[in-house]
PDB file of all heavy atoms in Angstrom:
ATOM      1  N   GLY A   1     101.646  99.912  83.169  1.00  0.00           N
ATOM      2  CA  GLY A   1     102.743 100.873  83.081  1.00  0.00           C
ATOM      3  C   GLY A   1     103.693 100.786  84.256  1.00  0.00           C
ATOM      4  O   GLY A   1     104.925 100.821  84.087  1.00  0.00           O
ATOM      5  N   LEU A   2     103.137 100.665  85.462  1.00  0.00           N
ATOM      6  CA  LEU A   2     104.002 100.555  86.664  1.00  0.00           C
ATOM      7  C   LEU A   2     104.850  99.285  86.624  1.00  0.00           C
ATOM      8  O   LEU A   2     106.010  99.307  87.045  1.00  0.00           O
ATOM      9  CB  LEU A   2     103.122 100.564  87.914  1.00  0.00           C
ATOM     10  CG  LEU A   2     102.427 101.876  88.263  1.00  0.00           C
ATOM     11  CD1 LEU A   2     101.489 101.697  89.453  1.00  0.00           C
ATOM     12  CD2 LEU A   2     103.442 102.987  88.549  1.00  0.00           C
ATOM     13  N   GLY A   3     104.263  98.199  86.122  1.00  0.00           N
ATOM     14  CA  GLY A   3     105.005  96.947  86.021  1.00  0.00           C
ATOM     15  C   GLY A   3     106.184  97.063  85.066  1.00  0.00           C
ATOM     16  O   GLY A   3     107.261  96.506  85.303  1.00  0.00           O
ATOM     17  N   ARG A   4     105.978  97.813  83.982  1.00  0.00           N
ATOM     18  CA  ARG A   4     107.058  97.995  82.994  1.00  0.00           C
ATOM     19  C   ARG A   4     108.256  98.721  83.592  1.00  0.00           C
ATOM     20  O   ARG A   4     109.383  98.347  83.339  1.00  0.00           O
ATOM     21  CB  ARG A   4     106.504  98.762  81.773  1.00  0.00           C
ATOM     22  CG  ARG A   4     105.537  97.944  80.942  1.00  0.00           C
ATOM     23  CD  ARG A   4     104.795  98.767  79.901  1.00  0.00           C
ATOM     24  NE  ARG A   4     103.760  97.964  79.259  1.00  0.00           N
ATOM     25  CZ  ARG A   4     103.755  97.595  77.976  1.00  0.00           C
ATOM     26  NH1 ARG A   4     104.750  97.959  77.196  1.00  0.00           N
ATOM     27  NH2 ARG A   4     102.784  96.861  77.483  1.00  0.00           N
ATOM     28  N   LEU A   5     107.976  99.745  84.380  1.00  0.00           N
ATOM     29  CA  LEU A   5     109.079 100.490  85.006  1.00  0.00           C
ATOM     30  C   LEU A   5     109.632  99.733  86.219  1.00  0.00           C
ATOM     31  O   LEU A   5     110.842  99.599  86.371  1.00  0.00           O
ATOM     32  CB  LEU A   5     108.606 101.880  85.399  1.00  0.00           C
ATOM     33  CG  LEU A   5     109.656 102.765  86.110  1.00  0.00           C
ATOM     34  CD1 LEU A   5     110.868 102.992  85.226  1.00  0.00           C
ATOM     35  CD2 LEU A   5     109.039 104.090  86.532  1.00  0.00           C
ATOM     36  N   GLY A   6     108.727  99.266  87.080  1.00  0.00           N
ATOM     37  CA  GLY A   6     109.136  98.669  88.362  1.00  0.00           C
ATOM     38  C   GLY A   6     109.940  97.391  88.185  1.00  0.00           C
ATOM     39  O   GLY A   6     111.029  97.244  88.739  1.00  0.00           O
ATOM     40  N   TRP A   7     109.431  96.448  87.394  1.00  0.00           N
ATOM     41  CA  TRP A   7     110.134  95.174  87.207  1.00  0.00           C
ATOM     42  C   TRP A   7     111.461  95.364  86.468  1.00  0.00           C
ATOM     43  O   TRP A   7     112.479  94.733  86.803  1.00  0.00           O
ATOM     44  CB  TRP A   7     109.263  94.187  86.444  1.00  0.00           C
ATOM     45  CG  TRP A   7     108.261  93.468  87.286  1.00  0.00           C
ATOM     46  CD1 TRP A   7     106.899  93.598  87.280  1.00  0.00           C
ATOM     47  CD2 TRP A   7     108.547  92.442  88.283  1.00  0.00           C
ATOM     48  NE1 TRP A   7     106.320  92.757  88.180  1.00  0.00           N
ATOM     49  CE2 TRP A   7     107.298  92.034  88.816  1.00  0.00           C
ATOM     50  CE3 TRP A   7     109.705  91.866  88.758  1.00  0.00           C
ATOM     51  CZ2 TRP A   7     107.191  91.062  89.803  1.00  0.00           C
ATOM     52  CZ3 TRP A   7     109.612  90.889  89.766  1.00  0.00           C
ATOM     53  CH2 TRP A   7     108.368  90.494  90.262  1.00  0.00           C
ATOM     54  N   ALA A   8     111.474  96.236  85.442  1.00  0.00           N
ATOM     55  CA  ALA A   8     112.698  96.451  84.697  1.00  0.00           C
ATOM     56  C   ALA A   8     113.777  97.065  85.588  1.00  0.00           C
ATOM     57  O   ALA A   8     114.957  96.671  85.529  1.00  0.00           O
ATOM     58  CB  ALA A   8     112.426  97.368  83.498  1.00  0.00           C
ATOM     59  N   THR A   9     113.369  98.020  86.428  1.00  0.00           N
ATOM     60  CA  THR A   9     114.331  98.625  87.362  1.00  0.00           C
ATOM     61  C   THR A   9     114.814  97.589  88.386  1.00  0.00           C
ATOM     62  O   THR A   9     116.024  97.528  88.695  1.00  0.00           O
ATOM     63  CB  THR A   9     113.662  99.821  88.090  1.00  0.00           C
ATOM     64  OG1 THR A   9     113.166 100.742  87.140  1.00  0.00           O
ATOM     65  CG2 THR A   9     114.667 100.508  89.014  1.00  0.00           C
ATOM     66  N   PHE A  10     113.893  96.792  88.913  1.00  0.00           N
ATOM     67  CA  PHE A  10     114.236  95.771  89.895  1.00  0.00           C
ATOM     68  C   PHE A  10     115.197  94.754  89.297  1.00  0.00           C
ATOM     69  O   PHE A  10     116.062  94.206  90.007  1.00  0.00           O
ATOM     70  CB  PHE A  10     112.934  95.073  90.335  1.00  0.00           C
ATOM     71  CG  PHE A  10     113.088  94.194  91.556  1.00  0.00           C
ATOM     72  CD1 PHE A  10     113.821  94.614  92.641  1.00  0.00           C
ATOM     73  CD2 PHE A  10     112.458  92.970  91.624  1.00  0.00           C
ATOM     74  CE1 PHE A  10     113.965  93.817  93.781  1.00  0.00           C
ATOM     75  CE2 PHE A  10     112.590  92.148  92.729  1.00  0.00           C
ATOM     76  CZ  PHE A  10     113.351  92.584  93.821  1.00  0.00           C
ATOM     77  N   SER A  11     115.079  94.505  87.987  1.00  0.00           N
ATOM     78  CA  SER A  11     115.963  93.530  87.311  1.00  0.00           C
ATOM     79  C   SER A  11     117.419  93.951  87.344  1.00  0.00           C
ATOM     80  O   SER A  11     118.329  93.126  87.217  1.00  0.00           O
ATOM     81  CB  SER A  11     115.503  93.281  85.880  1.00  0.00           C
ATOM     82  OG  SER A  11     115.849  94.356  85.027  1.00  0.00           O
ATOM     83  N   ASP A  12     117.671  95.278  87.454  1.00  0.00           N
ATOM     84  CA  ASP A  12     119.055  95.761  87.546  1.00  0.00           C
ATOM     85  C   ASP A  12     119.726  95.277  88.844  1.00  0.00           C
ATOM     86  O   ASP A  12     120.946  95.182  88.919  1.00  0.00           O
ATOM     87  CB  ASP A  12     119.108  97.293  87.529  1.00  0.00           C
ATOM     88  CG  ASP A  12     118.826  97.866  86.146  1.00  0.00           C
ATOM     89  OD1 ASP A  12     119.112  97.175  85.158  1.00  0.00           O
ATOM     90  OD2 ASP A  12     118.333  99.017  86.061  1.00  0.00           O
ATOM     91  N   TYR A  13     118.907  94.976  89.849  1.00  0.00           N
ATOM     92  CA  TYR A  13     119.443  94.578  91.165  1.00  0.00           C
ATOM     93  C   TYR A  13     119.453  93.065  91.346  1.00  0.00           C
ATOM     94  O   TYR A  13     120.389  92.532  91.955  1.00  0.00           O
ATOM     95  CB  TYR A  13     118.607  95.231  92.287  1.00  0.00           C
ATOM     96  CG  TYR A  13     118.692  96.737  92.251  1.00  0.00           C
ATOM     97  CD1 TYR A  13     117.739  97.506  91.591  1.00  0.00           C
ATOM     98  CD2 TYR A  13     119.747  97.399  92.877  1.00  0.00           C
ATOM     99  CE1 TYR A  13     117.821  98.871  91.547  1.00  0.00           C
ATOM    100  CE2 TYR A  13     119.843  98.784  92.854  1.00  0.00           C
ATOM    101  CZ  TYR A  13     118.874  99.524  92.183  1.00  0.00           C
ATOM    102  OH  TYR A  13     118.985 100.884  92.136  1.00  0.00           O
ATOM    103  N   ILE A  14     118.427  92.377  90.848  1.00  0.00           N
ATOM    104  CA  ILE A  14     118.366  90.906  91.063  1.00  0.00           C
ATOM    105  C   ILE A  14     118.795  90.103  89.829  1.00  0.00           C
ATOM    106  O   ILE A  14     118.928  88.904  89.903  1.00  0.00           O
ATOM    107  CB  ILE A  14     116.970  90.464  91.520  1.00  0.00           C
ATOM    108  CG1 ILE A  14     115.936  90.641  90.391  1.00  0.00           C
ATOM    109  CG2 ILE A  14     116.530  91.196  92.762  1.00  0.00           C
ATOM    110  CD1 ILE A  14     114.601  89.993  90.686  1.00  0.00           C
ATOM    111  N   GLY A  15     118.993  90.816  88.699  1.00  0.00           N
ATOM    112  CA  GLY A  15     119.391  90.119  87.484  1.00  0.00           C
ATOM    113  C   GLY A  15     118.190  89.708  86.655  1.00  0.00           C
ATOM    114  O   GLY A  15     117.114  89.429  87.174  1.00  0.00           O
ATOM    115  N   ARG A  16     118.388  89.681  85.335  1.00  0.00           N
ATOM    116  CA  ARG A  16     117.279  89.336  84.445  1.00  0.00           C
ATOM    117  C   ARG A  16     116.847  87.875  84.589  1.00  0.00           C
ATOM    118  O   ARG A  16     115.614  87.601  84.595  1.00  0.00           O
ATOM    119  CB  ARG A  16     117.676  89.625  83.007  1.00  0.00           C
ATOM    120  CG  ARG A  16     117.097  90.884  82.436  1.00  0.00           C
ATOM    121  CD  ARG A  16     117.499  92.162  83.161  1.00  0.00           C
ATOM    122  NE  ARG A  16     118.857  92.548  82.899  1.00  0.00           N
ATOM    123  CZ  ARG A  16     119.417  93.693  83.289  1.00  0.00           C
ATOM    124  NH1 ARG A  16     118.723  94.568  84.008  1.00  0.00           N
ATOM    125  NH2 ARG A  16     120.670  93.994  83.018  1.00  0.00           N
ATOM    126  N   PRO A  17     117.731  86.891  84.753  1.00  0.00           N
ATOM    127  CA  PRO A  17     117.251  85.502  84.933  1.00  0.00           C
ATOM    128  C   PRO A  17     116.346  85.345  86.152  1.00  0.00           C
ATOM    129  O   PRO A  17     115.317  84.679  86.065  1.00  0.00           O
ATOM    130  CB  PRO A  17     118.557  84.712  85.107  1.00  0.00           C
ATOM    131  CG  PRO A  17     119.584  85.511  84.374  1.00  0.00           C
ATOM    132  CD  PRO A  17     119.215  86.938  84.622  1.00  0.00           C
ATOM    133  N   ASN A  18     116.712  85.978  87.264  1.00  0.00           N
ATOM    134  CA  ASN A  18     115.872  85.897  88.471  1.00  0.00           C
ATOM    135  C   ASN A  18     114.542  86.600  88.262  1.00  0.00           C
ATOM    136  O   ASN A  18     113.493  86.175  88.783  1.00  0.00           O
ATOM    137  CB  ASN A  18     116.598  86.510  89.665  1.00  0.00           C
ATOM    138  CG  ASN A  18     117.757  85.660  90.144  1.00  0.00           C
ATOM    139  OD1 ASN A  18     117.768  84.451  89.926  1.00  0.00           O
ATOM    140  ND2 ASN A  18     118.738  86.285  90.771  1.00  0.00           N
ATOM    141  N   THR A  19     114.554  87.700  87.510  1.00  0.00           N
ATOM    142  CA  THR A  19     113.316  88.454  87.253  1.00  0.00           C
ATOM    143  C   THR A  19     112.319  87.597  86.477  1.00  0.00           C
ATOM    144  O   THR A  19     111.132  87.527  86.848  1.00  0.00           O
ATOM    145  CB  THR A  19     113.624  89.740  86.465  1.00  0.00           C
ATOM    146  OG1 THR A  19     114.554  90.542  87.213  1.00  0.00           O
ATOM    147  CG2 THR A  19     112.353  90.539  86.211  1.00  0.00           C
ATOM    148  N   TYR A  20     112.778  86.944  85.425  1.00  0.00           N
ATOM    149  CA  TYR A  20     111.863  86.137  84.602  1.00  0.00           C
ATOM    150  C   TYR A  20     111.403  84.886  85.370  1.00  0.00           C
ATOM    151  O   TYR A  20     110.236  84.471  85.225  1.00  0.00           O
ATOM    152  CB  TYR A  20     112.509  85.772  83.268  1.00  0.00           C
ATOM    153  CG  TYR A  20     112.217  86.821  82.222  1.00  0.00           C
ATOM    154  CD1 TYR A  20     112.973  88.005  82.165  1.00  0.00           C
ATOM    155  CD2 TYR A  20     111.166  86.678  81.330  1.00  0.00           C
ATOM    156  CE1 TYR A  20     112.689  88.991  81.256  1.00  0.00           C
ATOM    157  CE2 TYR A  20     110.868  87.663  80.408  1.00  0.00           C
ATOM    158  CZ  TYR A  20     111.639  88.806  80.358  1.00  0.00           C
ATOM    159  OH  TYR A  20     111.326  89.800  79.459  1.00  0.00           O
ATOM    160  N   THR A  21     112.271  84.306  86.169  1.00  0.00           N
ATOM    161  CA  THR A  21     111.858  83.177  86.979  1.00  0.00           C
ATOM    162  C   THR A  21     110.765  83.630  87.955  1.00  0.00           C
ATOM    163  O   THR A  21     109.765  82.923  88.160  1.00  0.00           O
ATOM    164  CB  THR A  21     113.050  82.593  87.761  1.00  0.00           C
ATOM    165  OG1 THR A  21     114.023  82.097  86.824  1.00  0.00           O
ATOM    166  CG2 THR A  21     112.613  81.454  88.668  1.00  0.00           C
ATOM    167  N   ALA A  22     110.923  84.829  88.520  1.00  0.00           N
ATOM    168  CA  ALA A  22     109.922  85.375  89.433  1.00  0.00           C
ATOM    169  C   ALA A  22     108.578  85.578  88.717  1.00  0.00           C
ATOM    170  O   ALA A  22     107.506  85.259  89.260  1.00  0.00           O
ATOM    171  CB  ALA A  22     110.387  86.702  90.031  1.00  0.00           C
ATOM    172  N   PHE A  23     108.624  86.102  87.465  1.00  0.00           N
ATOM    173  CA  PHE A  23     107.409  86.273  86.678  1.00  0.00           C
ATOM    174  C   PHE A  23     106.594  84.960  86.628  1.00  0.00           C
ATOM    175  O   PHE A  23     105.399  84.950  86.857  1.00  0.00           O
ATOM    176  CB  PHE A  23     107.732  86.650  85.237  1.00  0.00           C
ATOM    177  CG  PHE A  23     108.217  88.046  85.040  1.00  0.00           C
ATOM    178  CD1 PHE A  23     108.939  88.397  83.920  1.00  0.00           C
ATOM    179  CD2 PHE A  23     107.922  89.050  85.963  1.00  0.00           C
ATOM    180  CE1 PHE A  23     109.399  89.685  83.702  1.00  0.00           C
ATOM    181  CE2 PHE A  23     108.365  90.356  85.763  1.00  0.00           C
ATOM    182  CZ  PHE A  23     109.119  90.670  84.644  1.00  0.00           C
ATOM    183  N   PHE A  24     107.302  83.873  86.332  1.00  0.00           N
ATOM    184  CA  PHE A  24     106.625  82.626  86.042  1.00  0.00           C
ATOM    185  C   PHE A  24     106.152  81.916  87.323  1.00  0.00           C
ATOM    186  O   PHE A  24     105.091  81.299  87.328  1.00  0.00           O
ATOM    187  CB  PHE A  24     107.517  81.724  85.190  1.00  0.00           C
ATOM    188  CG  PHE A  24     107.958  82.383  83.914  1.00  0.00           C
ATOM    189  CD1 PHE A  24     109.262  82.266  83.456  1.00  0.00           C
ATOM    190  CD2 PHE A  24     107.085  83.179  83.183  1.00  0.00           C
ATOM    191  CE1 PHE A  24     109.675  82.885  82.285  1.00  0.00           C
ATOM    192  CE2 PHE A  24     107.473  83.811  82.014  1.00  0.00           C
ATOM    193  CZ  PHE A  24     108.789  83.672  81.564  1.00  0.00           C
ATOM    194  N   VAL A  25     106.941  82.027  88.385  1.00  0.00           N
ATOM    195  CA  VAL A  25     106.499  81.445  89.662  1.00  0.00           C
ATOM    196  C   VAL A  25     105.241  82.169  90.167  1.00  0.00           C
ATOM    197  O   VAL A  25     104.249  81.530  90.537  1.00  0.00           O
ATOM    198  CB  VAL A  25     107.631  81.550  90.721  1.00  0.00           C
ATOM    199  CG1 VAL A  25     107.088  81.184  92.108  1.00  0.00           C
ATOM    200  CG2 VAL A  25     108.806  80.632  90.371  1.00  0.00           C
ATOM    201  N   ILE A  26     105.303  83.499  90.145  1.00  0.00           N
ATOM    202  CA  ILE A  26     104.168  84.294  90.612  1.00  0.00           C
ATOM    203  C   ILE A  26     102.916  83.996  89.789  1.00  0.00           C
ATOM    204  O   ILE A  26     101.829  83.727  90.332  1.00  0.00           O
ATOM    205  CB  ILE A  26     104.481  85.821  90.547  1.00  0.00           C
ATOM    206  CG1 ILE A  26     105.560  86.162  91.596  1.00  0.00           C
ATOM    207  CG2 ILE A  26     103.232  86.655  90.741  1.00  0.00           C
ATOM    208  CD1 ILE A  26     106.147  87.559  91.429  1.00  0.00           C
ATOM    209  N   GLN A  27     103.042  84.013  88.467  1.00  0.00           N
ATOM    210  CA  GLN A  27     101.873  83.847  87.607  1.00  0.00           C
ATOM    211  C   GLN A  27     101.346  82.414  87.587  1.00  0.00           C
ATOM    212  O   GLN A  27     100.131  82.181  87.497  1.00  0.00           O
ATOM    213  CB  GLN A  27     102.178  84.322  86.193  1.00  0.00           C
ATOM    214  CG  GLN A  27     102.365  85.843  86.136  1.00  0.00           C
ATOM    215  CD  GLN A  27     102.646  86.340  84.741  1.00  0.00           C
ATOM    216  OE1 GLN A  27     101.754  86.758  84.033  1.00  0.00           O
ATOM    217  NE2 GLN A  27     103.894  86.279  84.340  1.00  0.00           N
ATOM    218  N   MET A  28     102.239  81.443  87.697  1.00  0.00           N
ATOM    219  CA  MET A  28     101.790  80.063  87.747  1.00  0.00           C
ATOM    220  C   MET A  28     100.877  79.848  88.959  1.00  0.00           C
ATOM    221  O   MET A  28      99.811  79.225  88.849  1.00  0.00           O
ATOM    222  CB  MET A  28     103.008  79.121  87.819  1.00  0.00           C
ATOM    223  CG  MET A  28     102.663  77.630  87.813  1.00  0.00           C
ATOM    224  SD  MET A  28     104.130  76.593  87.735  1.00  0.00           S
ATOM    225  CE  MET A  28     104.922  77.012  89.308  1.00  0.00           C
ATOM    226  N   VAL A  29     101.278  80.384  90.103  1.00  0.00           N
ATOM    227  CA  VAL A  29     100.475  80.254  91.326  1.00  0.00           C
ATOM    228  C   VAL A  29      99.176  81.053  91.191  1.00  0.00           C
ATOM    229  O   VAL A  29      98.091  80.563  91.506  1.00  0.00           O
ATOM    230  CB  VAL A  29     101.292  80.730  92.549  1.00  0.00           C
ATOM    231  CG1 VAL A  29     100.399  80.788  93.791  1.00  0.00           C
ATOM    232  CG2 VAL A  29     102.489  79.827  92.772  1.00  0.00           C
ATOM    233  N   LEU A  30      99.270  82.291  90.691  1.00  0.00           N
ATOM    234  CA  LEU A  30      98.091  83.160  90.640  1.00  0.00           C
ATOM    235  C   LEU A  30      97.064  82.683  89.622  1.00  0.00           C
ATOM    236  O   LEU A  30      95.853  82.770  89.874  1.00  0.00           O
ATOM    237  CB  LEU A  30      98.514  84.606  90.334  1.00  0.00           C
ATOM    238  CG  LEU A  30      99.347  85.316  91.410  1.00  0.00           C
ATOM    239  CD1 LEU A  30      99.597  86.749  91.031  1.00  0.00           C
ATOM    240  CD2 LEU A  30      98.633  85.252  92.779  1.00  0.00           C
ATOM    241  N   PHE A  31      97.491  82.181  88.482  1.00  0.00           N
ATOM    242  CA  PHE A  31      96.560  81.664  87.503  1.00  0.00           C
ATOM    243  C   PHE A  31      95.848  80.425  88.045  1.00  0.00           C
ATOM    244  O   PHE A  31      94.671  80.181  87.732  1.00  0.00           O
ATOM    245  CB  PHE A  31      97.260  81.324  86.191  1.00  0.00           C
ATOM    246  CG  PHE A  31      97.298  82.474  85.213  1.00  0.00           C
ATOM    247  CD1 PHE A  31      98.201  83.511  85.368  1.00  0.00           C
ATOM    248  CD2 PHE A  31      96.431  82.527  84.145  1.00  0.00           C
ATOM    249  CE1 PHE A  31      98.241  84.573  84.489  1.00  0.00           C
ATOM    250  CE2 PHE A  31      96.445  83.576  83.236  1.00  0.00           C
ATOM    251  CZ  PHE A  31      97.364  84.615  83.416  1.00  0.00           C
ATOM    252  N   PHE A  32      96.562  79.643  88.859  1.00  0.00           N
ATOM    253  CA  PHE A  32      95.950  78.463  89.456  1.00  0.00           C
ATOM    254  C   PHE A  32      94.890  78.873  90.504  1.00  0.00           C
ATOM    255  O   PHE A  32      93.835  78.232  90.615  1.00  0.00           O
ATOM    256  CB  PHE A  32      97.030  77.607  90.128  1.00  0.00           C
ATOM    257  CG  PHE A  32      96.543  76.340  90.731  1.00  0.00           C
ATOM    258  CD1 PHE A  32      96.237  75.233  89.946  1.00  0.00           C
ATOM    259  CD2 PHE A  32      96.335  76.234  92.127  1.00  0.00           C
ATOM    260  CE1 PHE A  32      95.745  74.049  90.503  1.00  0.00           C
ATOM    261  CE2 PHE A  32      95.850  75.077  92.689  1.00  0.00           C
ATOM    262  CZ  PHE A  32      95.562  73.980  91.888  1.00  0.00           C
ATOM    263  N   LEU A  33      95.162  79.948  91.241  1.00  0.00           N
ATOM    264  CA  LEU A  33      94.244  80.402  92.311  1.00  0.00           C
ATOM    265  C   LEU A  33      93.100  81.249  91.782  1.00  0.00           C
ATOM    266  O   LEU A  33      92.044  81.324  92.420  1.00  0.00           O
ATOM    267  CB  LEU A  33      95.014  81.199  93.364  1.00  0.00           C
ATOM    268  CG  LEU A  33      96.089  80.446  94.177  1.00  0.00           C
ATOM    269  CD1 LEU A  33      96.821  81.423  95.078  1.00  0.00           C
ATOM    270  CD2 LEU A  33      95.458  79.323  94.988  1.00  0.00           C
ATOM    271  N   LEU A  34      93.296  81.916  90.664  1.00  0.00           N
ATOM    272  CA  LEU A  34      92.342  82.931  90.197  1.00  0.00           C
ATOM    273  C   LEU A  34      90.890  82.435  90.065  1.00  0.00           C
ATOM    274  O   LEU A  34      89.974  83.180  90.433  1.00  0.00           O
ATOM    275  CB  LEU A  34      92.815  83.529  88.857  1.00  0.00           C
ATOM    276  CG  LEU A  34      92.165  84.857  88.421  1.00  0.00           C
ATOM    277  CD1 LEU A  34      92.316  85.936  89.475  1.00  0.00           C
ATOM    278  CD2 LEU A  34      92.745  85.323  87.106  1.00  0.00           C
ATOM    279  N   PRO A  35      90.621  81.208  89.553  1.00  0.00           N
ATOM    280  CA  PRO A  35      89.233  80.772  89.423  1.00  0.00           C
ATOM    281  C   PRO A  35      88.479  80.733  90.749  1.00  0.00           C
ATOM    282  O   PRO A  35      87.243  80.773  90.763  1.00  0.00           O
ATOM    283  CB  PRO A  35      89.349  79.363  88.827  1.00  0.00           C
ATOM    284  CG  PRO A  35      90.685  79.329  88.168  1.00  0.00           C
ATOM    285  CD  PRO A  35      91.569  80.215  89.004  1.00  0.00           C
ATOM    286  N   ASN A  36      89.217  80.607  91.861  1.00  0.00           N
ATOM    287  CA  ASN A  36      88.576  80.530  93.182  1.00  0.00           C
ATOM    288  C   ASN A  36      88.618  81.855  93.938  1.00  0.00           C
ATOM    289  O   ASN A  36      88.182  81.912  95.096  1.00  0.00           O
ATOM    290  CB  ASN A  36      89.278  79.448  94.030  1.00  0.00           C
ATOM    291  CG  ASN A  36      89.190  78.074  93.360  1.00  0.00           C
ATOM    292  OD1 ASN A  36      88.113  77.656  92.946  1.00  0.00           O
ATOM    293  ND2 ASN A  36      90.326  77.407  93.248  1.00  0.00           N
ATOM    294  N   MET A  37      89.107  82.920  93.260  1.00  0.00           N
ATOM    295  CA  MET A  37      89.167  84.220  93.914  1.00  0.00           C
ATOM    296  C   MET A  37      87.821  84.934  93.760  1.00  0.00           C
ATOM    297  O   MET A  37      87.659  85.828  92.923  1.00  0.00           O
ATOM    298  CB  MET A  37      90.296  85.069  93.267  1.00  0.00           C
ATOM    299  CG  MET A  37      91.675  84.644  93.653  1.00  0.00           C
ATOM    300  SD  MET A  37      92.061  85.108  95.348  1.00  0.00           S
ATOM    301  CE  MET A  37      93.667  84.331  95.536  1.00  0.00           C
ATOM    302  N   THR A  38      86.873  84.524  94.565  1.00  0.00           N
ATOM    303  CA  THR A  38      85.521  85.082  94.439  1.00  0.00           C
ATOM    304  C   THR A  38      85.331  86.403  95.165  1.00  0.00           C
ATOM    305  O   THR A  38      84.373  87.126  94.929  1.00  0.00           O
ATOM    306  CB  THR A  38      84.489  84.078  94.972  1.00  0.00           C
ATOM    307  OG1 THR A  38      84.842  83.702  96.304  1.00  0.00           O
ATOM    308  CG2 THR A  38      84.461  82.831  94.090  1.00  0.00           C
TER     309      THR A  38
END
């Protein structure tokens, strides 16, 4: 729920293209690291 409000509000300031690029950069790195997050 917080992500739905926070990211959408943040997109008003940085723009929707930058927001979606941020989604994918963040998740690409985190999904790669997650198996080793013991």
